[in-house]
Amino acid sequence: QVQLVESGGGLVQAGGSLRLSCAASRNIFSFNVMGWYRQGPGKQRELVATITNGGRTNYADSLEGRFTISRDNAKNTVYLQMNIMKPEDTALYYCYARIILKDYWGQGTQVTVSS
């Protein structure tokens, strides 16, 4: 079993920045993929960004290069740096991990961007 705990959410003004962290309960080196998804008000959960254990990244096209995902294997943590934030980035952000064929999810951290 793996626990994923998100932190770093909060309220930010449009144009501002936040950094989310996701701490795993065990060594993440063997995790095939880690990433972030989000679910905005009245919307379905959608991909934000993923990173493989080899460091290959993938981002949602809609982000236009504003977000950066990274991982620190020594700290068992994945980060999401969010810049030039927009009100439409308001959502509950979930950390995600895939280990072989099993998916794990965190509880989510709320991000609210005011206009």
N, C-alpha and C. Protein backbone atom coordinates (compact mmCIF):
# COMPACT_ATOMS: atom_id res chain seq x y z
N GLN A 1 0.84 -1.19 0.00
CA GLN A 1 0.00 0.00 0.00
C GLN A 1 0.88 1.25 0.00
N VAL A 2 0.41 2.28 -0.69
CA VAL A 2 1.14 3.53 -0.79
C VAL A 2 0.23 4.67 -0.40
N GLN A 3 0.71 5.55 0.43
CA GLN A 3 -0.04 6.78 0.75
C GLN A 3 0.63 7.95 0.06
N LEU A 4 -0.20 8.82 -0.49
CA LEU A 4 0.26 10.04 -1.13
C LEU A 4 -0.38 11.22 -0.42
N VAL A 5 0.42 12.16 0.05
CA VAL A 5 -0.10 13.29 0.81
C VAL A 5 0.31 14.58 0.11
N GLU A 6 -0.72 15.32 -0.34
CA GLU A 6 -0.48 16.58 -1.02
C GLU A 6 -0.41 17.73 -0.02
N SER A 7 0.31 18.76 -0.39
CA SER A 7 0.35 20.00 0.40
C SER A 7 0.70 21.15 -0.53
N GLY A 8 0.50 22.36 -0.02
CA GLY A 8 0.88 23.54 -0.79
C GLY A 8 -0.26 24.28 -1.46
N GLY A 9 -1.46 23.74 -1.37
CA GLY A 9 -2.59 24.43 -1.96
C GLY A 9 -2.95 25.67 -1.17
N GLY A 10 -3.86 26.46 -1.73
CA GLY A 10 -4.29 27.67 -1.05
C GLY A 10 -4.92 28.65 -2.01
N LEU A 11 -5.01 29.88 -1.54
CA LEU A 11 -5.61 30.97 -2.31
C LEU A 11 -4.50 31.86 -2.87
N VAL A 12 -4.60 32.15 -4.16
CA VAL A 12 -3.60 33.00 -4.81
C VAL A 12 -4.31 33.90 -5.80
N GLN A 13 -3.77 35.06 -6.02
CA GLN A 13 -4.34 35.99 -7.00
C GLN A 13 -3.91 35.59 -8.41
N ALA A 14 -4.70 35.94 -9.38
CA ALA A 14 -4.36 35.68 -10.78
C ALA A 14 -2.99 36.30 -11.08
N GLY A 15 -2.18 35.55 -11.80
CA GLY A 15 -0.82 35.98 -12.10
C GLY A 15 0.21 35.49 -11.11
N GLY A 16 -0.25 34.98 -9.97
CA GLY A 16 0.66 34.52 -8.94
C GLY A 16 1.13 33.09 -9.15
N SER A 17 1.85 32.57 -8.14
CA SER A 17 2.45 31.24 -8.22
C SER A 17 2.16 30.44 -6.96
N LEU A 18 2.15 29.13 -7.13
CA LEU A 18 2.07 28.18 -6.02
C LEU A 18 2.92 26.99 -6.37
N ARG A 19 3.42 26.30 -5.34
CA ARG A 19 4.11 25.04 -5.56
C ARG A 19 3.44 23.96 -4.72
N LEU A 20 2.95 22.95 -5.39
CA LEU A 20 2.35 21.81 -4.71
C LEU A 20 3.41 20.74 -4.48
N SER A 21 3.26 20.02 -3.38
CA SER A 21 4.13 18.89 -3.07
C SER A 21 3.29 17.66 -2.83
N CYS A 22 3.85 16.52 -3.20
CA CYS A 22 3.20 15.24 -2.96
C CYS A 22 4.24 14.31 -2.35
N ALA A 23 4.05 13.98 -1.09
CA ALA A 23 4.99 13.11 -0.39
C ALA A 23 4.44 11.68 -0.36
N ALA A 24 5.28 10.75 -0.79
CA ALA A 24 4.87 9.35 -0.81
C ALA A 24 5.37 8.65 0.46
N SER A 25 4.65 7.59 0.82
CA SER A 25 4.97 6.89 2.07
C SER A 25 6.12 5.90 1.90
N ARG A 26 6.62 5.75 0.68
CA ARG A 26 7.76 4.88 0.47
C ARG A 26 8.58 5.39 -0.70
N ASN A 27 9.71 4.77 -0.94
CA ASN A 27 10.62 5.20 -1.99
C ASN A 27 9.93 5.22 -3.34
N ILE A 28 10.06 6.35 -4.05
CA ILE A 28 9.35 6.51 -5.32
C ILE A 28 10.17 6.10 -6.53
N PHE A 29 11.39 5.66 -6.30
CA PHE A 29 12.25 5.36 -7.45
C PHE A 29 11.61 4.33 -8.37
N SER A 30 10.91 3.38 -7.77
CA SER A 30 10.32 2.31 -8.57
C SER A 30 8.95 2.66 -9.13
N PHE A 31 8.43 3.84 -8.81
CA PHE A 31 7.12 4.23 -9.32
C PHE A 31 7.25 4.51 -10.81
N ASN A 32 6.44 3.86 -11.61
CA ASN A 32 6.54 4.04 -13.05
C ASN A 32 6.23 5.47 -13.47
N VAL A 33 5.15 5.99 -12.92
CA VAL A 33 4.69 7.33 -13.27
C VAL A 33 4.15 8.00 -12.02
N MET A 34 4.44 9.27 -11.88
CA MET A 34 3.77 10.08 -10.87
C MET A 34 3.25 11.32 -11.56
N GLY A 35 2.26 11.93 -10.94
CA GLY A 35 1.74 13.12 -11.60
C GLY A 35 0.66 13.82 -10.82
N TRP A 36 0.05 14.76 -11.50
CA TRP A 36 -1.01 15.58 -10.92
C TRP A 36 -2.21 15.61 -11.86
N TYR A 37 -3.38 15.47 -11.27
CA TYR A 37 -4.63 15.67 -11.94
C TYR A 37 -5.40 16.74 -11.16
N ARG A 38 -6.42 17.29 -11.78
CA ARG A 38 -7.24 18.29 -11.10
C ARG A 38 -8.69 18.14 -11.50
N GLN A 39 -9.56 18.59 -10.59
CA GLN A 39 -10.99 18.58 -10.86
C GLN A 39 -11.56 19.92 -10.43
N GLY A 40 -11.97 20.70 -11.42
CA GLY A 40 -12.56 21.99 -11.15
C GLY A 40 -14.03 21.88 -10.86
N PRO A 41 -14.65 22.96 -10.37
CA PRO A 41 -16.08 22.95 -10.04
C PRO A 41 -16.93 22.55 -11.26
N GLY A 42 -17.72 21.52 -11.11
CA GLY A 42 -18.60 21.09 -12.19
C GLY A 42 -17.89 20.44 -13.36
N LYS A 43 -16.63 20.07 -13.18
CA LYS A 43 -15.87 19.49 -14.27
C LYS A 43 -15.40 18.08 -13.92
N GLN A 44 -14.97 17.36 -14.94
CA GLN A 44 -14.39 16.04 -14.72
C GLN A 44 -12.92 16.18 -14.34
N ARG A 45 -12.41 15.15 -13.70
CA ARG A 45 -10.99 15.14 -13.37
C ARG A 45 -10.17 15.10 -14.66
N GLU A 46 -9.13 15.90 -14.72
CA GLU A 46 -8.32 15.98 -15.93
C GLU A 46 -6.84 15.94 -15.60
N LEU A 47 -6.08 15.49 -16.57
CA LEU A 47 -4.63 15.44 -16.43
C LEU A 47 -4.04 16.84 -16.37
N VAL A 48 -3.08 17.02 -15.46
CA VAL A 48 -2.30 18.26 -15.44
C VAL A 48 -0.90 17.96 -15.98
N ALA A 49 -0.20 17.04 -15.30
CA ALA A 49 1.16 16.71 -15.72
C ALA A 49 1.57 15.38 -15.11
N THR A 50 2.46 14.68 -15.82
CA THR A 50 3.03 13.44 -15.30
C THR A 50 4.53 13.43 -15.53
N ILE A 51 5.20 12.58 -14.74
CA ILE A 51 6.64 12.42 -14.90
C ILE A 51 6.97 10.95 -14.65
N THR A 52 7.77 10.36 -15.51
CA THR A 52 8.12 8.95 -15.35
C THR A 52 9.33 8.81 -14.43
N ASN A 53 9.64 7.56 -14.08
CA ASN A 53 10.81 7.37 -13.23
C ASN A 53 12.10 7.66 -14.00
N GLY A 54 12.00 7.79 -15.32
CA GLY A 54 13.15 8.21 -16.12
C GLY A 54 13.22 9.70 -16.34
N GLY A 55 12.24 10.41 -15.80
CA GLY A 55 12.25 11.86 -15.89
C GLY A 55 11.52 12.45 -17.09
N ARG A 56 10.87 11.59 -17.88
CA ARG A 56 10.14 12.11 -19.02
C ARG A 56 8.83 12.74 -18.53
N THR A 57 8.54 13.94 -19.03
CA THR A 57 7.37 14.68 -18.57
C THR A 57 6.32 14.81 -19.66
N ASN A 58 5.09 15.00 -19.21
CA ASN A 58 3.97 15.20 -20.13
C ASN A 58 3.03 16.20 -19.48
N TYR A 59 2.53 17.14 -20.27
CA TYR A 59 1.67 18.20 -19.75
C TYR A 59 0.40 18.32 -20.57
N ALA A 60 -0.65 18.79 -19.91
CA ALA A 60 -1.87 19.12 -20.63
C ALA A 60 -1.59 20.30 -21.55
N ASP A 61 -2.09 20.24 -22.77
CA ASP A 61 -1.85 21.29 -23.75
C ASP A 61 -2.35 22.66 -23.26
N SER A 62 -3.42 22.64 -22.49
CA SER A 62 -4.07 23.88 -22.06
C SER A 62 -3.20 24.71 -21.12
N LEU A 63 -2.16 24.10 -20.55
CA LEU A 63 -1.35 24.82 -19.56
C LEU A 63 -0.43 25.86 -20.21
N GLU A 64 -0.15 25.72 -21.47
CA GLU A 64 0.65 26.72 -22.21
C GLU A 64 1.99 26.98 -21.54
N GLY A 65 2.58 25.93 -20.95
CA GLY A 65 3.93 26.07 -20.42
C GLY A 65 4.02 26.75 -19.07
N ARG A 66 2.91 26.95 -18.40
CA ARG A 66 2.93 27.69 -17.14
C ARG A 66 3.31 26.82 -15.94
N PHE A 67 3.13 25.50 -16.06
CA PHE A 67 3.37 24.60 -14.93
C PHE A 67 4.60 23.73 -15.22
N THR A 68 5.29 23.33 -14.15
CA THR A 68 6.45 22.45 -14.26
C THR A 68 6.37 21.36 -13.21
N ILE A 69 6.48 20.12 -13.64
CA ILE A 69 6.48 19.00 -12.71
C ILE A 69 7.92 18.52 -12.52
N SER A 70 8.23 18.10 -11.30
CA SER A 70 9.55 17.56 -11.01
C SER A 70 9.43 16.54 -9.89
N ARG A 71 10.47 15.72 -9.73
CA ARG A 71 10.44 14.74 -8.66
C ARG A 71 11.81 14.68 -7.99
N ASP A 72 11.79 14.47 -6.70
CA ASP A 72 13.01 14.32 -5.91
C ASP A 72 12.96 12.93 -5.28
N ASN A 73 13.66 11.99 -5.88
CA ASN A 73 13.60 10.61 -5.40
C ASN A 73 14.15 10.49 -3.98
N ALA A 74 15.12 11.31 -3.63
CA ALA A 74 15.71 11.23 -2.29
C ALA A 74 14.72 11.64 -1.21
N LYS A 75 13.77 12.50 -1.58
CA LYS A 75 12.77 12.97 -0.62
C LYS A 75 11.42 12.29 -0.84
N ASN A 76 11.35 11.38 -1.80
CA ASN A 76 10.09 10.67 -2.10
C ASN A 76 8.96 11.66 -2.38
N THR A 77 9.28 12.70 -3.12
CA THR A 77 8.33 13.79 -3.31
C THR A 77 8.28 14.21 -4.78
N VAL A 78 7.08 14.53 -5.21
CA VAL A 78 6.86 15.11 -6.53
C VAL A 78 6.29 16.52 -6.33
N TYR A 79 6.72 17.41 -7.19
CA TYR A 79 6.31 18.81 -7.07
C TYR A 79 5.59 19.27 -8.34
N LEU A 80 4.75 20.28 -8.16
CA LEU A 80 4.14 20.95 -9.30
C LEU A 80 4.28 22.45 -9.06
N GLN A 81 5.14 23.07 -9.84
CA GLN A 81 5.31 24.52 -9.79
C GLN A 81 4.31 25.15 -10.75
N MET A 82 3.46 26.01 -10.23
CA MET A 82 2.42 26.64 -11.04
C MET A 82 2.66 28.15 -11.08
N ASN A 83 2.85 28.68 -12.27
CA ASN A 83 3.12 30.10 -12.46
C ASN A 83 2.06 30.75 -13.33
N ILE A 84 2.01 32.05 -13.28
CA ILE A 84 1.05 32.85 -14.08
C ILE A 84 -0.32 32.20 -13.97
N MET A 85 -0.77 32.02 -12.76
CA MET A 85 -1.99 31.27 -12.54
C MET A 85 -3.21 32.08 -12.97
N LYS A 86 -4.25 31.33 -13.39
CA LYS A 86 -5.48 31.92 -13.88
C LYS A 86 -6.65 31.42 -13.06
N PRO A 87 -7.76 32.16 -13.03
CA PRO A 87 -8.94 31.68 -12.29
C PRO A 87 -9.38 30.28 -12.74
N GLU A 88 -9.19 29.95 -14.00
CA GLU A 88 -9.60 28.63 -14.47
C GLU A 88 -8.70 27.51 -13.95
N ASP A 89 -7.62 27.85 -13.26
CA ASP A 89 -6.79 26.83 -12.60
C ASP A 89 -7.39 26.41 -11.25
N THR A 90 -8.43 27.09 -10.82
CA THR A 90 -9.09 26.73 -9.57
C THR A 90 -9.61 25.31 -9.64
N ALA A 91 -9.18 24.48 -8.69
CA ALA A 91 -9.56 23.07 -8.71
C ALA A 91 -9.01 22.38 -7.47
N LEU A 92 -9.49 21.16 -7.30
CA LEU A 92 -8.88 20.26 -6.31
C LEU A 92 -7.80 19.49 -7.06
N TYR A 93 -6.58 19.57 -6.58
CA TYR A 93 -5.44 18.95 -7.26
C TYR A 93 -5.08 17.65 -6.56
N TYR A 94 -5.02 16.59 -7.34
CA TYR A 94 -4.74 15.25 -6.81
C TYR A 94 -3.37 14.76 -7.28
N CYS A 95 -2.66 14.18 -6.35
CA CYS A 95 -1.42 13.49 -6.68
C CYS A 95 -1.75 12.06 -7.12
N TYR A 96 -0.97 11.56 -8.06
CA TYR A 96 -1.23 10.25 -8.67
C TYR A 96 0.08 9.48 -8.80
N ALA A 97 -0.01 8.18 -8.61
CA ALA A 97 1.16 7.33 -8.83
C ALA A 97 0.72 6.01 -9.44
N ARG A 98 1.49 5.54 -10.37
CA ARG A 98 1.27 4.20 -10.94
C ARG A 98 2.48 3.34 -10.63
N ILE A 99 2.18 2.19 -10.02
CA ILE A 99 3.24 1.24 -9.70
C ILE A 99 2.86 -0.06 -10.37
N ILE A 100 3.60 -0.40 -11.43
CA ILE A 100 3.29 -1.54 -12.30
C ILE A 100 1.89 -1.29 -12.87
N LEU A 101 0.88 -2.00 -12.46
CA LEU A 101 -0.44 -1.80 -13.05
C LEU A 101 -1.46 -1.26 -12.06
N LYS A 102 -0.98 -0.76 -10.92
CA LYS A 102 -1.90 -0.28 -9.90
C LYS A 102 -1.76 1.24 -9.74
N ASP A 103 -2.90 1.89 -9.63
CA ASP A 103 -2.94 3.34 -9.48
C ASP A 103 -3.24 3.72 -8.04
N TYR A 104 -2.59 4.80 -7.59
CA TYR A 104 -2.81 5.34 -6.25
C TYR A 104 -3.11 6.83 -6.36
N TRP A 105 -3.96 7.29 -5.45
CA TRP A 105 -4.37 8.70 -5.45
C TRP A 105 -4.24 9.28 -4.06
N GLY A 106 -3.89 10.57 -4.01
CA GLY A 106 -3.94 11.30 -2.76
C GLY A 106 -5.34 11.82 -2.52
N GLN A 107 -5.51 12.51 -1.39
CA GLN A 107 -6.81 13.05 -1.02
C GLN A 107 -7.12 14.37 -1.71
N GLY A 108 -6.10 15.03 -2.21
CA GLY A 108 -6.31 16.28 -2.92
C GLY A 108 -5.98 17.50 -2.08
N THR A 109 -5.58 18.56 -2.75
CA THR A 109 -5.34 19.84 -2.10
C THR A 109 -6.01 20.93 -2.94
N GLN A 110 -6.74 21.81 -2.27
CA GLN A 110 -7.53 22.82 -2.97
C GLN A 110 -6.65 24.00 -3.39
N VAL A 111 -6.82 24.38 -4.63
CA VAL A 111 -6.17 25.58 -5.17
C VAL A 111 -7.25 26.51 -5.68
N THR A 112 -7.23 27.74 -5.20
CA THR A 112 -8.21 28.74 -5.62
C THR A 112 -7.48 29.97 -6.13
N VAL A 113 -7.81 30.38 -7.35
CA VAL A 113 -7.18 31.55 -7.96
C VAL A 113 -8.22 32.64 -8.10
N SER A 114 -8.00 33.76 -7.46
CA SER A 114 -8.95 34.86 -7.51
C SER A 114 -8.59 35.82 -8.64
N SER A 115 -9.61 36.42 -9.22
CA SER A 115 -9.38 37.34 -10.35
C SER A 115 -9.16 38.76 -9.87
